[in-house]
Amino acid sequence: MSFWEPGTYYGLDSVVEYEGAKYKVIQAHTSESGWEPPLTPALTGTVEMTEVTTTAAETTRSARTRGGEEHKWYDLDEEKKKELEIGGGLLAGAAAIGAGFYAYKKHKENEEKERQEDEY
């Protein structure tokens, strides 16, 4: 284990110490000033009694079922992966359409407001 320093490359699972706390690297990177471990939860997680408390970046790698079983993305069969990818794409498309419709409505409201102001 080493002390955290800017300008240093830290590989995945490296453990560093910063201001008395231990951190485990969850995304390989070269450190920079302003990227101190407590400020960059996407890069490091705190180490507490040999267990790593991580961020959303780590939790997206696996999921637990109601029974507590852990499943990794790569454990899914190809058909289930395809269904999830299609579902995610459909959801993203619906969100984009909704955002576009909302922007269009706001634009029309602003045009109407400006037109009314010009009349007075």
Protein backbone atom coordinates (compact mmCIF):
# COMPACT_ATOMS: atom_id res chain seq x y z
CA MET A 1 0.00 0.00 0.00
CA SER A 2 1.21 3.50 -0.81
CA PHE A 3 0.16 7.05 -0.02
CA TRP A 4 -1.99 8.72 -2.67
CA GLU A 5 -0.09 11.22 -4.84
CA PRO A 6 -1.11 13.22 -7.93
CA GLY A 7 0.49 12.21 -11.22
CA THR A 8 0.65 8.54 -10.24
CA TYR A 9 -0.82 5.63 -12.18
CA TYR A 10 -3.07 3.41 -10.05
CA GLY A 11 -4.17 0.07 -11.46
CA LEU A 12 -7.43 -1.71 -10.69
CA ASP A 13 -7.58 -3.01 -7.09
CA SER A 14 -4.60 -0.92 -5.94
CA VAL A 15 -4.94 0.24 -2.34
CA VAL A 16 -3.79 3.72 -1.34
CA GLU A 17 -3.90 5.76 1.83
CA TYR A 18 -5.10 9.36 1.88
CA GLU A 19 -5.54 11.46 5.03
CA GLY A 20 -5.54 8.35 7.23
CA ALA A 21 -8.18 6.45 5.24
CA LYS A 22 -7.57 3.51 2.91
CA TYR A 23 -9.04 3.46 -0.59
CA LYS A 24 -9.25 0.70 -3.19
CA VAL A 25 -9.05 1.67 -6.86
CA ILE A 26 -12.16 0.55 -8.77
CA GLN A 27 -11.19 2.19 -12.07
CA ALA A 28 -7.58 2.31 -13.25
CA HIS A 29 -6.37 5.89 -13.78
CA THR A 30 -3.52 8.36 -13.44
CA SER A 31 -4.26 10.64 -10.50
CA GLU A 32 -4.43 14.41 -10.76
CA SER A 33 -4.72 17.26 -8.28
CA GLY A 34 -8.40 17.65 -7.49
CA TRP A 35 -8.94 13.91 -7.96
CA GLU A 36 -8.24 13.01 -4.32
CA PRO A 37 -9.91 9.71 -3.33
CA PRO A 38 -12.74 11.23 -1.24
CA LEU A 39 -13.64 13.49 -4.20
CA THR A 40 -13.69 10.79 -6.88
CA PRO A 41 -16.02 7.94 -5.90
CA ALA A 42 -16.08 6.76 -9.52
CA LEU A 43 -12.37 5.93 -9.22
CA THR A 44 -11.98 4.70 -5.62
CA GLY A 45 -13.96 3.11 -2.82
CA THR A 46 -13.14 3.24 0.88
CA VAL A 47 -11.66 0.15 2.49
CA GLU A 48 -13.26 -0.75 5.80
CA MET A 49 -12.14 -3.91 7.57
CA THR A 50 -11.01 -5.47 4.28
CA GLU A 51 -14.37 -4.81 2.63
CA VAL A 52 -14.65 -2.24 -0.12
CA THR A 53 -17.50 0.24 -0.10
CA THR A 54 -17.92 1.12 -3.76
CA THR A 55 -19.97 3.39 -5.94
CA ALA A 56 -22.58 2.83 -8.63
CA ALA A 57 -19.76 1.91 -11.03
CA GLU A 58 -19.17 -1.28 -9.03
CA THR A 59 -22.80 -2.14 -8.37
CA THR A 60 -23.63 -2.11 -12.07
CA ARG A 61 -21.40 -5.14 -12.58
CA SER A 62 -23.81 -7.48 -10.81
CA ALA A 63 -27.36 -7.71 -9.55
CA ARG A 64 -29.04 -9.67 -6.79
CA THR A 65 -32.29 -11.53 -7.11
CA ARG A 66 -34.95 -11.48 -4.40
CA GLY A 67 -33.48 -14.70 -3.06
CA GLY A 68 -30.11 -13.02 -2.58
CA GLU A 69 -28.36 -14.81 -5.44
CA GLU A 70 -25.81 -12.68 -7.25
CA HIS A 71 -25.88 -12.59 -11.05
CA LYS A 72 -23.24 -11.06 -13.28
CA TRP A 73 -23.93 -9.65 -16.74
CA TYR A 74 -21.75 -12.30 -18.35
CA ASP A 75 -23.74 -15.09 -16.59
CA LEU A 76 -26.89 -14.27 -18.57
CA ASP A 77 -27.71 -16.30 -21.65
CA GLU A 78 -27.46 -14.55 -25.01
CA GLU A 79 -31.25 -14.26 -25.42
CA LYS A 80 -31.66 -12.49 -22.06
CA LYS A 81 -28.78 -10.11 -22.87
CA LYS A 82 -30.45 -9.26 -26.19
CA GLU A 83 -33.81 -8.64 -24.44
CA LEU A 84 -32.16 -6.30 -21.92
CA GLU A 85 -30.27 -4.44 -24.65
CA ILE A 86 -33.43 -3.99 -26.73
CA GLY A 87 -35.42 -2.91 -23.67
CA GLY A 88 -32.75 -0.39 -22.73
CA GLY A 89 -32.69 0.96 -26.28
CA LEU A 90 -36.46 1.30 -26.35
CA LEU A 91 -36.43 3.10 -23.01
CA ALA A 92 -33.70 5.48 -24.19
CA GLY A 93 -35.62 6.15 -27.42
CA ALA A 94 -38.85 6.85 -25.52
CA ALA A 95 -36.99 9.23 -23.21
CA ALA A 96 -35.49 11.08 -26.21
CA ILE A 97 -38.92 11.41 -27.84
CA GLY A 98 -40.40 12.67 -24.58
CA ALA A 99 -37.61 15.20 -24.14
CA GLY A 100 -38.04 16.39 -27.73
CA PHE A 101 -41.80 16.79 -27.28
CA TYR A 102 -41.27 18.72 -24.04
CA ALA A 103 -38.73 21.03 -25.73
CA TYR A 104 -41.13 21.58 -28.64
CA LYS A 105 -43.98 22.50 -26.28
CA LYS A 106 -41.76 24.94 -24.34
CA HIS A 107 -40.59 26.49 -27.60
CA LYS A 108 -44.19 27.01 -28.74
CA GLU A 109 -45.12 28.51 -25.36
CA ASN A 110 -42.21 30.95 -25.58
CA GLU A 111 -43.15 31.91 -29.14
CA GLU A 112 -46.73 32.59 -28.03
CA LYS A 113 -45.54 34.62 -25.05
CA GLU A 114 -43.24 36.71 -27.26
CA ARG A 115 -46.02 37.24 -29.80
CA GLN A 116 -48.35 38.48 -27.06
CA GLU A 117 -45.69 40.82 -25.69
CA ASP A 118 -45.11 42.25 -29.19
CA GLU A 119 -48.83 42.98 -29.54
CA TYR A 120 -48.84 45.19 -26.43
